[in-house]
């Protein structure tokens, strides 16, 4: 699989094969949900948000997203906290992801802000 070189020779490459690929993003994803346990060196290489590990000792899923963005050329580096992230124009796959995120946000807003409240009340009323 084609990839990109690690930043500073190591950052973004938790599988330590010398190339940042989507396999690195998958490894961090698996680690964030507890499917695999990373070594301290793998955590150092996979912590591209510079936020460290959570209370369970796991990297956050945001690290996997950043690695995937880097591999796909959406970002050129892993910004430090407080730095502004400038995204390149998103390609079709990123546009689809952003579209789903926007749609999910709208659906969540609609359900919590009363857009479907009367429908839900009516539906629940019929269930009684």
Protein backbone atom coordinates (compact mmCIF):
# COMPACT_ATOMS: atom_id res chain seq x y z
CA UNK A 1 0.00 0.00 0.00
CA UNK A 2 1.31 3.44 -0.90
CA UNK A 3 1.81 5.86 1.93
CA UNK A 4 3.68 8.93 3.07
CA UNK A 5 6.85 9.34 5.10
CA UNK A 6 6.44 9.74 8.85
CA UNK A 7 6.73 13.29 10.22
CA UNK A 8 10.06 13.76 12.06
CA UNK A 9 10.94 10.17 11.11
CA UNK A 10 8.39 8.50 13.39
CA UNK A 11 5.12 10.43 13.88
CA UNK A 12 2.05 8.75 12.40
CA UNK A 13 3.71 5.35 12.02
CA UNK A 14 2.65 3.22 15.00
CA UNK A 15 3.21 -0.06 13.14
CA UNK A 16 6.86 1.04 12.71
CA UNK A 17 7.25 -0.01 9.08
CA UNK A 18 8.71 3.34 7.99
CA UNK A 19 5.63 4.47 6.01
CA UNK A 20 2.40 6.13 7.19
CA UNK A 21 -0.51 4.20 5.65
CA UNK A 22 -4.16 3.54 6.34
CA UNK A 23 -2.97 0.42 8.19
CA UNK A 24 -1.52 2.79 10.80
CA UNK A 25 -4.89 4.52 11.11
CA UNK A 26 -6.58 1.11 11.49
CA UNK A 27 -4.09 0.09 14.18
CA UNK A 28 -4.85 3.26 16.17
CA UNK A 29 -8.59 2.68 15.67
CA UNK A 30 -8.28 -0.86 16.99
CA UNK A 31 -6.23 0.39 19.94
CA UNK A 32 -8.76 3.12 20.76
CA UNK A 33 -11.52 0.55 21.22
CA UNK A 34 -9.32 -1.93 23.07
CA UNK A 35 -8.90 -4.55 20.33
CA UNK A 36 -5.11 -4.27 20.53
CA UNK A 37 -2.70 -2.96 23.13
CA UNK A 38 0.05 -0.66 21.90
CA UNK A 39 3.56 -0.48 23.30
CA UNK A 40 4.84 2.84 24.68
CA UNK A 41 6.78 3.40 21.44
CA UNK A 42 3.69 2.72 19.33
CA UNK A 43 1.71 5.18 21.46
CA UNK A 44 4.42 7.81 20.99
CA UNK A 45 4.30 7.28 17.23
CA UNK A 46 0.49 7.19 17.04
CA UNK A 47 -0.25 10.22 19.24
CA UNK A 48 -0.56 12.72 16.39
CA UNK A 49 -3.02 14.95 18.30
CA UNK A 50 -0.46 15.35 21.11
CA UNK A 51 -3.15 14.73 23.71
CA UNK A 52 -1.65 11.59 25.25
CA UNK A 53 -3.70 8.61 26.33
CA UNK A 54 -7.03 8.54 28.13
CA UNK A 55 -7.66 7.12 31.61
CA UNK A 56 -7.70 3.60 30.15
CA UNK A 57 -4.28 4.10 28.56
CA UNK A 58 -5.68 4.25 25.02
CA UNK A 59 -5.15 6.71 22.22
CA UNK A 60 -8.21 8.69 21.13
CA UNK A 61 -9.91 7.88 17.81
CA UNK A 62 -9.08 11.43 16.65
CA UNK A 63 -5.52 10.20 16.12
CA UNK A 64 -6.73 7.65 13.56
CA UNK A 65 -8.68 10.35 11.74
CA UNK A 66 -5.63 12.62 11.57
CA UNK A 67 -3.46 9.78 10.27
CA UNK A 68 -6.04 8.99 7.57
CA UNK A 69 -6.20 12.69 6.62
CA UNK A 70 -2.41 12.76 6.30
CA UNK A 71 -2.28 9.59 4.19
CA UNK A 72 -4.99 10.93 1.86
CA UNK A 73 -3.24 14.29 1.47
CA UNK A 74 -5.90 16.35 3.26
CA UNK A 75 -3.25 17.66 5.68
CA UNK A 76 0.52 17.88 5.23
CA UNK A 77 1.56 17.70 8.87
CA UNK A 78 0.18 16.89 12.30
CA UNK A 79 -0.56 20.27 13.89
CA UNK A 80 0.40 20.87 17.49
CA UNK A 81 -2.33 21.99 19.93
CA UNK A 82 -3.30 25.58 19.25
CA UNK A 83 -2.06 25.55 15.66
CA UNK A 84 -4.54 26.32 12.91
CA UNK A 85 -5.33 23.37 10.63
CA UNK A 86 -5.64 24.30 6.98
CA UNK A 87 -7.40 21.56 5.04
CA UNK A 88 -6.80 21.25 1.35
CA UNK A 89 -9.85 21.06 -0.89
CA UNK A 90 -11.47 17.77 0.07
CA UNK A 91 -11.64 15.08 -2.57
CA UNK A 92 -14.79 13.06 -3.30
CA UNK A 93 -14.25 10.58 -0.47
CA UNK A 94 -13.70 13.36 2.08
CA UNK A 95 -16.72 15.25 0.72
CA UNK A 96 -18.82 12.13 1.26
CA UNK A 97 -17.54 11.80 4.85
CA UNK A 98 -18.18 15.47 5.56
CA UNK A 99 -21.64 15.12 4.02
CA UNK A 100 -22.52 12.21 6.30
CA UNK A 101 -21.21 14.09 9.32
CA UNK A 102 -23.32 17.11 8.39
CA UNK A 103 -26.37 14.91 7.81
CA UNK A 104 -25.83 13.14 11.14
CA UNK A 105 -25.58 16.49 12.89
CA UNK A 106 -28.84 17.62 11.32
CA UNK A 107 -30.65 14.44 12.30
CA UNK A 108 -29.35 14.74 15.87
CA UNK A 109 -30.43 18.40 15.96
CA UNK A 110 -33.85 17.49 14.57
CA UNK A 111 -34.42 14.79 17.16
CA UNK A 112 -33.27 16.84 20.13
CA UNK A 113 -34.74 20.22 19.20
CA UNK A 114 -38.32 19.24 18.70
CA UNK A 115 -38.47 18.98 14.91
CA UNK A 116 -39.84 15.48 15.29
CA UNK A 117 -41.13 15.91 18.84
CA UNK A 118 -44.81 15.90 17.98
CA UNK A 119 -44.35 12.93 15.70
CA UNK A 120 -42.54 11.06 18.46
CA UNK A 121 -45.21 11.98 21.00
CA UNK A 122 -47.93 10.86 18.59
CA UNK A 123 -46.12 7.62 17.90
CA UNK A 124 -45.55 6.99 21.59
CA UNK A 125 -49.17 7.91 22.34
CA UNK A 126 -50.37 5.22 19.93
CA UNK A 127 -48.16 2.69 21.68
CA UNK A 128 -50.05 3.03 24.97
